[in-house]
């Protein structure tokens, strides 16, 4: 047996005995596409209108704001259960009843209509900020620039929320405390 044949047989036996596959020419594999970047803070909200139909006898009692890690939050406290609201970006906001335009700080205006009033059955105000144009202090907040109370008329109350830019938002209702409820509006710090 010649030397080359013996070396080939030995090599084949060695490869078979060790479970080593014979060398195969390399074939280039397809390069996977880069994964899509994860949404900011996992936020998947959009900037389209959010609307829930319904009326109630709830009354606005307070409005407050807070800054969170990924978003700014506006909370409208109500005595009673809220059943309807409309939150959307608009070109401008206007006072209830008179229809007077209210300029807001920021580059985007979010209008919030709550199907609840800010007065009781005797006409006494249940929510009465010292300054309607600056109903809530949002100084230094990352996304909120101004909160204006636009008034209460014919079963609804409105707020204008001046936002740094047209950013994703969500709105939802929380029960409590007690028999009350809260309308919550979160606006993300960025997309």
N, C-alpha and C. Protein backbone atom coordinates (compact mmCIF):
# COMPACT_ATOMS: atom_id res chain seq x y z
N UNK A 1 0.85 -1.15 0.00
CA UNK A 1 0.00 0.00 0.00
C UNK A 1 0.90 1.21 0.00
N UNK A 2 0.56 2.20 -0.85
CA UNK A 2 1.43 3.35 -0.91
C UNK A 2 1.17 4.27 0.28
N UNK A 3 2.10 5.16 0.51
CA UNK A 3 2.09 6.05 1.66
C UNK A 3 0.90 7.00 1.64
N UNK A 4 0.55 7.55 0.51
CA UNK A 4 -0.54 8.53 0.41
C UNK A 4 -1.86 7.87 0.71
N UNK A 5 -2.06 6.64 0.21
CA UNK A 5 -3.31 5.93 0.46
C UNK A 5 -3.43 5.58 1.92
N UNK A 6 -2.33 5.13 2.55
CA UNK A 6 -2.33 4.77 3.95
C UNK A 6 -2.65 6.02 4.80
N UNK A 7 -2.10 7.17 4.49
CA UNK A 7 -2.35 8.40 5.24
C UNK A 7 -3.80 8.80 5.11
N UNK A 8 -4.40 8.61 3.91
CA UNK A 8 -5.82 8.96 3.69
C UNK A 8 -6.73 8.08 4.50
N UNK A 9 -6.42 6.77 4.55
CA UNK A 9 -7.24 5.82 5.32
C UNK A 9 -7.12 6.14 6.80
N UNK A 10 -5.92 6.38 7.27
CA UNK A 10 -5.70 6.69 8.69
C UNK A 10 -6.45 7.97 9.06
N UNK A 11 -6.39 8.93 8.19
CA UNK A 11 -7.06 10.20 8.46
C UNK A 11 -8.56 9.99 8.53
N UNK A 12 -9.13 9.19 7.61
CA UNK A 12 -10.56 8.92 7.60
C UNK A 12 -10.96 8.19 8.87
N UNK A 13 -10.18 7.20 9.29
CA UNK A 13 -10.49 6.46 10.53
C UNK A 13 -10.40 7.38 11.75
N UNK A 14 -9.43 8.22 11.77
CA UNK A 14 -9.27 9.15 12.89
C UNK A 14 -10.47 10.09 12.97
N UNK A 15 -10.88 10.64 11.82
CA UNK A 15 -12.02 11.56 11.80
C UNK A 15 -13.27 10.82 12.23
N UNK A 16 -13.51 9.60 11.74
CA UNK A 16 -14.69 8.82 12.08
C UNK A 16 -14.67 8.44 13.55
N UNK A 17 -13.53 8.05 14.07
CA UNK A 17 -13.42 7.62 15.46
C UNK A 17 -13.62 8.76 16.45
N UNK A 18 -13.22 9.94 16.09
CA UNK A 18 -13.33 11.07 17.01
C UNK A 18 -14.61 11.87 16.78
N UNK A 19 -15.39 11.50 15.78
CA UNK A 19 -16.61 12.22 15.49
C UNK A 19 -16.36 13.59 14.90
N UNK A 20 -15.23 13.74 14.25
CA UNK A 20 -14.89 15.02 13.65
C UNK A 20 -15.36 15.01 12.22
N UNK A 21 -16.07 15.99 11.84
CA UNK A 21 -16.54 16.07 10.46
C UNK A 21 -15.40 16.52 9.57
N UNK A 22 -15.33 15.97 8.37
CA UNK A 22 -14.29 16.42 7.46
C UNK A 22 -14.50 17.89 7.10
N UNK A 23 -13.43 18.53 6.77
CA UNK A 23 -13.49 19.95 6.45
C UNK A 23 -14.38 20.19 5.25
N UNK A 24 -15.25 21.19 5.37
CA UNK A 24 -16.16 21.56 4.30
C UNK A 24 -15.88 23.02 3.98
N UNK A 25 -15.88 23.37 2.74
CA UNK A 25 -15.63 24.78 2.43
C UNK A 25 -16.65 25.67 3.13
N UNK A 26 -16.18 26.81 3.61
CA UNK A 26 -17.05 27.73 4.35
C UNK A 26 -18.06 28.36 3.42
N UNK A 27 -19.28 28.47 3.90
CA UNK A 27 -20.36 29.14 3.18
C UNK A 27 -20.79 30.31 4.05
N UNK A 28 -20.86 31.50 3.47
CA UNK A 28 -21.22 32.64 4.30
C UNK A 28 -22.70 32.60 4.63
N UNK A 29 -22.99 32.75 5.91
CA UNK A 29 -24.37 32.75 6.40
C UNK A 29 -24.96 34.14 6.21
N UNK A 30 -26.27 34.22 6.08
CA UNK A 30 -26.87 35.55 5.95
C UNK A 30 -26.67 36.35 7.24
N UNK A 31 -26.41 37.62 7.09
CA UNK A 31 -26.19 38.48 8.25
C UNK A 31 -27.56 38.91 8.78
N UNK A 32 -27.82 38.63 10.07
CA UNK A 32 -29.12 39.02 10.61
C UNK A 32 -29.24 40.54 10.65
N UNK A 33 -30.48 41.00 10.44
CA UNK A 33 -30.69 42.45 10.49
C UNK A 33 -30.60 42.91 11.94
N UNK A 34 -30.25 44.15 12.12
CA UNK A 34 -30.12 44.70 13.46
C UNK A 34 -31.49 44.70 14.14
N UNK A 35 -31.54 44.31 15.41
CA UNK A 35 -32.83 44.28 16.10
C UNK A 35 -33.38 45.70 16.23
N UNK A 36 -34.71 45.81 16.16
CA UNK A 36 -35.35 47.12 16.33
C UNK A 36 -35.07 47.60 17.75
N UNK A 37 -34.85 48.87 17.88
CA UNK A 37 -34.55 49.39 19.21
C UNK A 37 -35.80 49.29 20.07
N UNK A 38 -35.60 49.02 21.33
CA UNK A 38 -36.71 48.88 22.28
C UNK A 38 -37.33 50.25 22.51
N UNK A 39 -38.65 50.29 22.73
CA UNK A 39 -39.28 51.58 22.99
C UNK A 39 -38.75 52.20 24.29
N UNK A 40 -38.75 53.52 24.33
CA UNK A 40 -38.30 54.27 25.50
C UNK A 40 -39.07 53.79 26.73
N UNK A 41 -38.37 53.31 27.73
CA UNK A 41 -38.95 52.83 29.00
C UNK A 41 -40.02 51.76 28.78
N UNK A 42 -40.02 51.12 27.62
CA UNK A 42 -41.04 50.11 27.35
C UNK A 42 -42.40 50.71 26.99
N UNK A 43 -42.45 52.03 26.81
CA UNK A 43 -43.71 52.71 26.52
C UNK A 43 -44.15 52.42 25.09
N UNK A 44 -45.38 51.97 24.95
CA UNK A 44 -45.93 51.67 23.62
C UNK A 44 -47.15 52.54 23.33
N UNK A 45 -47.30 53.64 24.06
CA UNK A 45 -48.43 54.55 23.84
C UNK A 45 -48.24 55.29 22.53
N UNK A 46 -49.29 55.91 22.06
CA UNK A 46 -49.23 56.73 20.86
C UNK A 46 -49.62 58.16 21.18
N UNK A 47 -49.92 58.92 20.14
CA UNK A 47 -50.33 60.31 20.36
C UNK A 47 -51.71 60.59 19.78
N UNK A 48 -52.45 59.52 19.47
CA UNK A 48 -53.81 59.68 18.97
C UNK A 48 -54.79 59.94 20.10
N UNK A 49 -55.97 60.43 19.74
CA UNK A 49 -57.00 60.78 20.73
C UNK A 49 -57.43 59.57 21.54
N UNK A 50 -57.78 59.83 22.80
CA UNK A 50 -58.33 58.80 23.69
C UNK A 50 -59.67 59.31 24.19
N UNK A 51 -60.73 58.54 23.95
CA UNK A 51 -62.08 59.01 24.24
C UNK A 51 -62.90 57.88 24.86
N UNK A 52 -63.57 58.19 25.95
CA UNK A 52 -64.50 57.24 26.58
C UNK A 52 -65.82 57.97 26.75
N UNK A 53 -66.90 57.38 26.23
CA UNK A 53 -68.21 58.01 26.29
C UNK A 53 -68.90 57.70 27.61
N UNK A 54 -69.59 58.69 28.14
CA UNK A 54 -70.38 58.49 29.35
C UNK A 54 -70.54 59.79 30.11
N UNK A 55 -71.61 59.89 30.87
CA UNK A 55 -71.84 61.06 31.72
C UNK A 55 -71.95 60.60 33.16
N UNK A 56 -71.73 61.52 34.06
CA UNK A 56 -71.81 61.18 35.47
C UNK A 56 -72.15 62.41 36.28
N UNK A 57 -72.41 62.20 37.54
CA UNK A 57 -72.66 63.32 38.44
C UNK A 57 -71.40 63.62 39.27
N UNK A 58 -70.26 63.10 38.85
CA UNK A 58 -69.00 63.34 39.56
C UNK A 58 -68.65 64.82 39.50
N UNK A 59 -67.90 65.26 40.51
CA UNK A 59 -67.46 66.66 40.57
C UNK A 59 -65.95 66.70 40.76
N UNK A 60 -65.30 67.60 40.06
CA UNK A 60 -63.85 67.76 40.20
C UNK A 60 -63.55 68.39 41.55
N UNK A 61 -62.59 67.80 42.27
CA UNK A 61 -62.22 68.33 43.59
C UNK A 61 -60.78 68.84 43.65
N UNK A 62 -59.91 68.31 42.79
CA UNK A 62 -58.51 68.72 42.83
C UNK A 62 -57.82 68.29 41.55
N UNK A 63 -56.73 68.98 41.22
CA UNK A 63 -55.89 68.60 40.09
C UNK A 63 -54.45 68.74 40.55
N UNK A 64 -53.64 67.74 40.24
CA UNK A 64 -52.24 67.73 40.69
C UNK A 64 -51.36 67.10 39.63
N UNK A 65 -50.07 67.34 39.73
CA UNK A 65 -49.12 66.80 38.75
C UNK A 65 -47.88 66.29 39.46
N UNK A 66 -47.22 65.33 38.82
CA UNK A 66 -45.98 64.78 39.36
C UNK A 66 -45.09 64.30 38.23
N UNK A 67 -43.79 64.28 38.52
CA UNK A 67 -42.82 63.83 37.52
C UNK A 67 -42.33 62.44 37.91
N UNK A 68 -42.37 61.52 36.96
CA UNK A 68 -41.90 60.15 37.16
C UNK A 68 -40.66 59.93 36.30
N UNK A 69 -40.05 58.78 36.42
CA UNK A 69 -38.82 58.49 35.69
C UNK A 69 -38.98 58.62 34.18
N UNK A 70 -40.08 58.11 33.64
CA UNK A 70 -40.26 58.06 32.19
C UNK A 70 -41.33 58.99 31.66
N UNK A 71 -42.12 59.60 32.53
CA UNK A 71 -43.23 60.44 32.09
C UNK A 71 -43.62 61.44 33.18
N UNK A 72 -44.38 62.46 32.77
CA UNK A 72 -45.02 63.38 33.71
C UNK A 72 -46.48 62.94 33.82
N UNK A 73 -47.06 63.11 35.01
CA UNK A 73 -48.44 62.64 35.26
C UNK A 73 -49.31 63.78 35.76
N UNK A 74 -50.50 63.88 35.17
CA UNK A 74 -51.54 64.80 35.64
C UNK A 74 -52.67 63.95 36.20
N UNK A 75 -53.15 64.30 37.39
CA UNK A 75 -54.24 63.56 38.03
C UNK A 75 -55.37 64.53 38.34
N UNK A 76 -56.57 64.19 37.87
CA UNK A 76 -57.76 64.98 38.17
C UNK A 76 -58.59 64.16 39.16
N UNK A 77 -58.69 64.67 40.39
CA UNK A 77 -59.44 63.98 41.44
C UNK A 77 -60.91 64.36 41.35
N UNK A 78 -61.78 63.35 41.49
CA UNK A 78 -63.22 63.59 41.41
C UNK A 78 -63.95 62.99 42.61
N UNK A 79 -64.98 63.67 43.04
CA UNK A 79 -65.91 63.12 44.02
C UNK A 79 -66.97 62.41 43.20
N UNK A 80 -67.00 61.10 43.26
CA UNK A 80 -67.90 60.31 42.43
C UNK A 80 -67.13 59.59 41.33
N UNK A 81 -67.84 58.78 40.60
CA UNK A 81 -67.24 57.96 39.54
C UNK A 81 -67.29 58.69 38.20
N UNK A 82 -66.15 58.87 37.60
CA UNK A 82 -66.08 59.47 36.26
C UNK A 82 -66.44 58.40 35.24
N UNK A 83 -67.21 58.79 34.24
CA UNK A 83 -67.62 57.82 33.23
C UNK A 83 -67.25 58.23 31.81
N UNK A 84 -66.80 59.45 31.61
CA UNK A 84 -66.47 59.86 30.25
C UNK A 84 -65.41 60.95 30.24
N UNK A 85 -64.56 60.90 29.19
CA UNK A 85 -63.52 61.91 29.02
C UNK A 85 -63.03 61.88 27.58
N UNK A 86 -62.33 62.93 27.20
CA UNK A 86 -61.74 63.02 25.86
C UNK A 86 -60.39 63.72 26.01
N UNK A 87 -59.33 63.05 25.60
CA UNK A 87 -57.97 63.60 25.70
C UNK A 87 -57.36 63.52 24.31
N UNK A 88 -56.88 64.68 23.80
CA UNK A 88 -56.31 64.69 22.45
C UNK A 88 -55.45 65.93 22.23
N UNK A 89 -54.51 65.79 21.29
CA UNK A 89 -53.72 66.94 20.86
C UNK A 89 -54.60 67.79 19.94
N UNK A 90 -54.53 69.11 20.13
CA UNK A 90 -55.29 70.05 19.32
C UNK A 90 -54.39 71.22 18.92
N UNK A 91 -54.85 72.02 17.96
CA UNK A 91 -54.06 73.18 17.54
C UNK A 91 -54.11 74.29 18.56
N UNK A 92 -55.21 74.39 19.32
CA UNK A 92 -55.36 75.42 20.35
C UNK A 92 -56.45 74.97 21.32
N UNK A 93 -56.45 75.54 22.52
CA UNK A 93 -57.49 75.25 23.51
C UNK A 93 -58.29 76.52 23.76
N UNK A 94 -59.57 76.34 24.14
CA UNK A 94 -60.49 77.45 24.33
C UNK A 94 -61.26 77.27 25.64
N UNK A 95 -61.64 78.40 26.25
CA UNK A 95 -62.39 78.35 27.50
C UNK A 95 -63.78 77.77 27.25
N UNK A 96 -64.31 77.13 28.28
CA UNK A 96 -65.68 76.60 28.22
C UNK A 96 -66.65 77.78 28.24
N UNK A 97 -67.69 77.70 27.47
CA UNK A 97 -68.71 78.74 27.47
C UNK A 97 -68.37 79.91 26.56
N UNK A 98 -67.32 80.68 26.88
CA UNK A 98 -66.97 81.86 26.09
C UNK A 98 -66.23 81.53 24.80
N UNK A 99 -65.48 80.44 24.78
CA UNK A 99 -64.73 80.06 23.59
C UNK A 99 -63.52 80.94 23.33
N UNK A 100 -62.97 81.52 24.38
CA UNK A 100 -61.78 82.38 24.26
C UNK A 100 -60.52 81.52 24.18
N UNK A 101 -59.66 81.79 23.19
CA UNK A 101 -58.42 81.03 23.02
C UNK A 101 -57.49 81.27 24.21
N UNK A 102 -56.89 80.18 24.71
CA UNK A 102 -55.94 80.27 25.82
C UNK A 102 -54.59 79.78 25.33
N UNK A 103 -53.60 80.68 25.21
CA UNK A 103 -52.27 80.25 24.78
C UNK A 103 -51.59 79.43 25.89
N UNK A 104 -50.93 78.37 25.49
CA UNK A 104 -50.24 77.50 26.44
C UNK A 104 -48.74 77.49 26.15
N UNK A 105 -47.94 77.35 27.19
CA UNK A 105 -46.49 77.18 27.04
C UNK A 105 -46.23 75.80 26.44
N UNK A 106 -45.12 75.64 25.76
CA UNK A 106 -44.78 74.37 25.11
C UNK A 106 -45.08 74.44 23.63
N UNK A 107 -44.77 73.37 22.92
CA UNK A 107 -45.00 73.35 21.48
C UNK A 107 -46.17 72.48 21.07
N UNK A 108 -46.84 71.83 22.03
CA UNK A 108 -48.01 71.01 21.73
C UNK A 108 -49.06 71.23 22.81
N UNK A 109 -50.32 71.29 22.37
CA UNK A 109 -51.45 71.49 23.29
C UNK A 109 -52.26 70.20 23.40
N UNK A 110 -52.42 69.73 24.61
CA UNK A 110 -53.25 68.56 24.89
C UNK A 110 -54.51 69.07 25.57
N UNK A 111 -55.66 68.81 24.95
CA UNK A 111 -56.94 69.23 25.54
C UNK A 111 -57.54 68.05 26.28
N UNK A 112 -57.99 68.32 27.50
CA UNK A 112 -58.60 67.29 28.34
C UNK A 112 -60.01 67.74 28.68
N UNK A 113 -61.00 66.99 28.24
CA UNK A 113 -62.39 67.26 28.59
C UNK A 113 -62.83 66.14 29.53
N UNK A 114 -63.34 66.53 30.68
CA UNK A 114 -63.81 65.58 31.68
C UNK A 114 -65.33 65.73 31.76
N UNK A 115 -66.06 64.64 31.62
CA UNK A 115 -67.51 64.71 31.71
C UNK A 115 -67.92 64.74 33.18
N UNK A 116 -67.55 65.83 33.82
CA UNK A 116 -67.86 66.10 35.23
C UNK A 116 -67.74 67.60 35.41
N UNK A 117 -68.46 68.14 36.37
CA UNK A 117 -68.44 69.59 36.59
C UNK A 117 -67.53 69.95 37.76
N UNK A 118 -67.27 71.25 37.89
CA UNK A 118 -66.41 71.75 38.97
C UNK A 118 -67.22 72.60 39.95
N UNK A 119 -68.49 72.24 40.12
CA UNK A 119 -69.37 72.93 41.06
C UNK A 119 -70.41 71.94 41.59
N UNK A 120 -71.00 72.26 42.73
CA UNK A 120 -72.01 71.37 43.31
C UNK A 120 -73.42 71.77 42.85
N UNK A 121 -74.43 71.07 43.36
CA UNK A 121 -75.81 71.31 42.92
C UNK A 121 -76.31 72.71 43.30
N UNK A 122 -75.67 73.36 44.27
CA UNK A 122 -76.04 74.73 44.66
C UNK A 122 -75.24 75.77 43.88
N UNK A 123 -74.37 75.33 42.99
CA UNK A 123 -73.57 76.25 42.18
C UNK A 123 -72.26 76.67 42.82
N UNK A 124 -71.92 76.12 43.97
CA UNK A 124 -70.64 76.44 44.63
C UNK A 124 -69.52 75.65 43.96
N UNK A 125 -68.42 76.32 43.71
CA UNK A 125 -67.30 75.67 43.02
C UNK A 125 -66.67 74.60 43.91
N UNK A 126 -66.44 73.44 43.32
CA UNK A 126 -65.75 72.35 44.03
C UNK A 126 -64.27 72.31 43.65
N UNK A 127 -63.95 72.99 42.56
CA UNK A 127 -62.55 73.15 42.15
C UNK A 127 -62.39 74.58 41.69
N UNK A 128 -61.48 75.30 42.33
CA UNK A 128 -61.33 76.72 42.05
C UNK A 128 -59.86 77.11 42.23
N UNK A 129 -59.04 76.92 41.18
CA UNK A 129 -57.62 77.28 41.33
C UNK A 129 -57.45 78.80 41.49
N UNK A 130 -56.37 79.19 42.14
CA UNK A 130 -56.09 80.63 42.32
C UNK A 130 -55.89 81.32 40.99
N UNK A 131 -55.29 80.62 40.02
CA UNK A 131 -55.01 81.19 38.71
C UNK A 131 -55.37 80.14 37.65
N UNK A 132 -56.44 80.37 36.91
CA UNK A 132 -56.88 79.39 35.91
C UNK A 132 -55.81 79.09 34.87
N UNK A 133 -55.00 80.10 34.51
CA UNK A 133 -53.96 79.91 33.49
C UNK A 133 -52.82 79.03 33.99
N UNK A 134 -52.63 79.00 35.29
CA UNK A 134 -51.59 78.16 35.90
C UNK A 134 -52.22 77.39 37.05
N UNK A 135 -53.14 76.51 36.69
CA UNK A 135 -53.94 75.78 37.67
C UNK A 135 -53.09 74.85 38.54
N UNK A 136 -52.02 74.34 37.98
CA UNK A 136 -51.12 73.43 38.70
C UNK A 136 -49.69 73.89 38.44
N UNK A 137 -48.88 73.90 39.47
CA UNK A 137 -47.48 74.30 39.32
C UNK A 137 -46.69 73.14 38.70
N UNK A 138 -46.20 73.34 37.49
CA UNK A 138 -45.40 72.32 36.81
C UNK A 138 -44.00 72.83 36.51
N UNK A 139 -43.60 73.86 37.23
CA UNK A 139 -42.28 74.45 37.04
C UNK A 139 -41.18 73.39 37.18
N UNK A 140 -40.28 73.33 36.21
CA UNK A 140 -39.15 72.41 36.25
C UNK A 140 -39.46 71.00 35.80
N UNK A 141 -40.72 70.71 35.45
CA UNK A 141 -41.03 69.36 34.99
C UNK A 141 -40.48 69.16 33.58
N UNK A 142 -40.13 67.95 33.27
CA UNK A 142 -39.45 67.65 32.01
C UNK A 142 -40.37 67.78 30.78
N UNK A 143 -41.62 67.36 30.91
CA UNK A 143 -42.54 67.35 29.77
C UNK A 143 -43.65 68.38 29.88
N UNK A 144 -44.26 68.53 31.05
CA UNK A 144 -45.34 69.50 31.23
C UNK A 144 -44.77 70.91 31.31
N UNK A 145 -45.40 71.83 30.61
CA UNK A 145 -44.99 73.24 30.64
C UNK A 145 -46.06 74.13 31.26
N UNK A 146 -47.34 73.73 31.18
CA UNK A 146 -48.42 74.54 31.74
C UNK A 146 -49.69 73.71 31.84
N UNK A 147 -50.45 73.93 32.91
CA UNK A 147 -51.77 73.34 33.07
C UNK A 147 -52.75 74.49 33.27
N UNK A 148 -53.73 74.62 32.39
CA UNK A 148 -54.73 75.68 32.49
C UNK A 148 -56.11 75.05 32.70
N UNK A 149 -56.88 75.63 33.62
CA UNK A 149 -58.28 75.23 33.80
C UNK A 149 -59.10 76.09 32.87
N UNK A 150 -59.80 75.46 31.92
CA UNK A 150 -60.54 76.18 30.90
C UNK A 150 -61.99 76.43 31.27
N UNK A 151 -62.41 75.88 32.40
CA UNK A 151 -63.76 76.13 32.88
C UNK A 151 -64.63 74.90 32.89
N UNK A 152 -65.84 75.11 33.39
CA UNK A 152 -66.82 74.05 33.53
C UNK A 152 -68.16 74.58 33.02
N UNK A 153 -68.78 73.86 32.11
CA UNK A 153 -70.00 74.35 31.46
C UNK A 153 -70.77 73.18 30.89
N UNK A 154 -72.08 73.18 31.13
CA UNK A 154 -72.99 72.17 30.57
C UNK A 154 -72.52 70.73 30.77
N UNK A 155 -72.15 70.40 31.99
CA UNK A 155 -71.83 69.02 32.34
C UNK A 155 -70.43 68.56 32.05
N UNK A 156 -69.57 69.47 31.63
CA UNK A 156 -68.18 69.06 31.38
C UNK A 156 -67.23 70.15 31.84
N UNK A 157 -65.99 69.73 32.10
CA UNK A 157 -64.92 70.65 32.48
C UNK A 157 -63.74 70.38 31.56
N UNK A 158 -62.97 71.44 31.27
CA UNK A 158 -61.85 71.29 30.35
C UNK A 158 -60.56 71.83 30.94
N UNK A 159 -59.47 71.22 30.51
CA UNK A 159 -58.12 71.64 30.89
C UNK A 159 -57.27 71.69 29.64
N UNK A 160 -56.33 72.60 29.63
CA UNK A 160 -55.32 72.65 28.58
C UNK A 160 -53.99 72.27 29.20
N UNK A 161 -53.30 71.35 28.57
CA UNK A 161 -52.00 70.90 29.07
C UNK A 161 -50.94 71.26 28.02
N UNK A 162 -50.12 72.24 28.33
CA UNK A 162 -49.02 72.62 27.44
C UNK A 162 -47.88 71.63 27.62
N UNK A 163 -47.46 71.01 26.52
CA UNK A 163 -46.46 69.95 26.55
C UNK A 163 -45.24 70.39 25.72
N UNK A 164 -44.07 69.94 26.14
CA UNK A 164 -42.80 70.29 25.46
C UNK A 164 -42.84 69.97 23.98
N UNK A 165 -43.45 68.85 23.60
CA UNK A 165 -43.57 68.42 22.20
C UNK A 165 -44.73 67.45 22.11
N UNK A 166 -45.13 67.11 20.90
CA UNK A 166 -46.20 66.11 20.74
C UNK A 166 -45.60 64.75 21.04
N UNK A 167 -45.83 64.28 22.23
CA UNK A 167 -45.23 63.05 22.75
C UNK A 167 -46.31 62.01 23.03
N UNK A 168 -45.93 60.74 23.15
CA UNK A 168 -46.91 59.71 23.46
C UNK A 168 -47.59 59.98 24.81
N UNK A 169 -48.87 59.64 24.87
CA UNK A 169 -49.59 59.78 26.14
C UNK A 169 -50.56 58.62 26.32
N UNK A 170 -51.01 58.47 27.55
CA UNK A 170 -52.08 57.52 27.85
C UNK A 170 -52.99 58.18 28.87
N UNK A 171 -54.24 57.76 28.90
CA UNK A 171 -55.17 58.25 29.91
C UNK A 171 -56.00 57.06 30.39
N UNK A 172 -56.32 57.09 31.67
CA UNK A 172 -57.10 56.01 32.26
C UNK A 172 -57.70 56.48 33.57
N UNK A 173 -58.66 55.70 34.08
CA UNK A 173 -59.36 56.04 35.31
C UNK A 173 -58.95 55.06 36.40
N UNK A 174 -58.70 55.60 37.59
CA UNK A 174 -58.45 54.79 38.78
C UNK A 174 -59.59 55.00 39.76
N UNK A 175 -60.01 53.95 40.42
CA UNK A 175 -61.05 54.06 41.45
C UNK A 175 -60.43 54.60 42.73
N UNK A 176 -61.27 55.29 43.53
CA UNK A 176 -60.85 55.74 44.85
C UNK A 176 -60.19 57.09 44.81
N UNK A 177 -59.86 57.59 45.96
CA UNK A 177 -60.13 56.98 47.26
C UNK A 177 -61.62 57.02 47.60
N UNK A 178 -62.04 56.07 48.40
CA UNK A 178 -63.45 55.96 48.80
C UNK A 178 -64.34 55.81 47.58
N UNK A 179 -65.40 56.63 47.52
CA UNK A 179 -66.35 56.58 46.41
C UNK A 179 -65.90 57.45 45.24
N UNK A 180 -64.72 58.05 45.34
CA UNK A 180 -64.22 58.93 44.30
C UNK A 180 -63.53 58.18 43.18
N UNK A 181 -62.97 58.94 42.26
CA UNK A 181 -62.21 58.36 41.15
C UNK A 181 -61.18 59.39 40.71
N UNK A 182 -60.26 58.94 39.86
CA UNK A 182 -59.19 59.81 39.36
C UNK A 182 -58.98 59.58 37.87
N UNK A 183 -58.94 60.67 37.12
CA UNK A 183 -58.56 60.58 35.72
C UNK A 183 -57.07 60.86 35.67
N UNK A 184 -56.31 59.93 35.08
CA UNK A 184 -54.86 60.04 35.02
C UNK A 184 -54.43 60.22 33.58
N UNK A 185 -53.56 61.21 33.34
CA UNK A 185 -52.98 61.44 32.03
C UNK A 185 -51.47 61.41 32.18
N UNK A 186 -50.81 60.47 31.53
CA UNK A 186 -49.35 60.35 31.54
C UNK A 186 -48.83 60.76 30.17
N UNK A 187 -47.81 61.62 30.14
CA UNK A 187 -47.18 62.00 28.88
C UNK A 187 -45.70 61.65 28.99
N UNK A 188 -45.22 60.83 28.05
CA UNK A 188 -43.84 60.34 28.07
C UNK A 188 -42.85 61.49 27.91
N UNK A 189 -41.66 61.31 28.45
CA UNK A 189 -40.60 62.33 28.31
C UNK A 189 -40.05 62.37 26.88
N UNK A 190 -40.15 61.25 26.16
CA UNK A 190 -39.72 61.23 24.77
C UNK A 190 -40.29 60.01 24.08
N UNK A 191 -40.13 59.93 22.77
CA UNK A 191 -40.60 58.77 21.99
C UNK A 191 -39.68 57.61 22.25
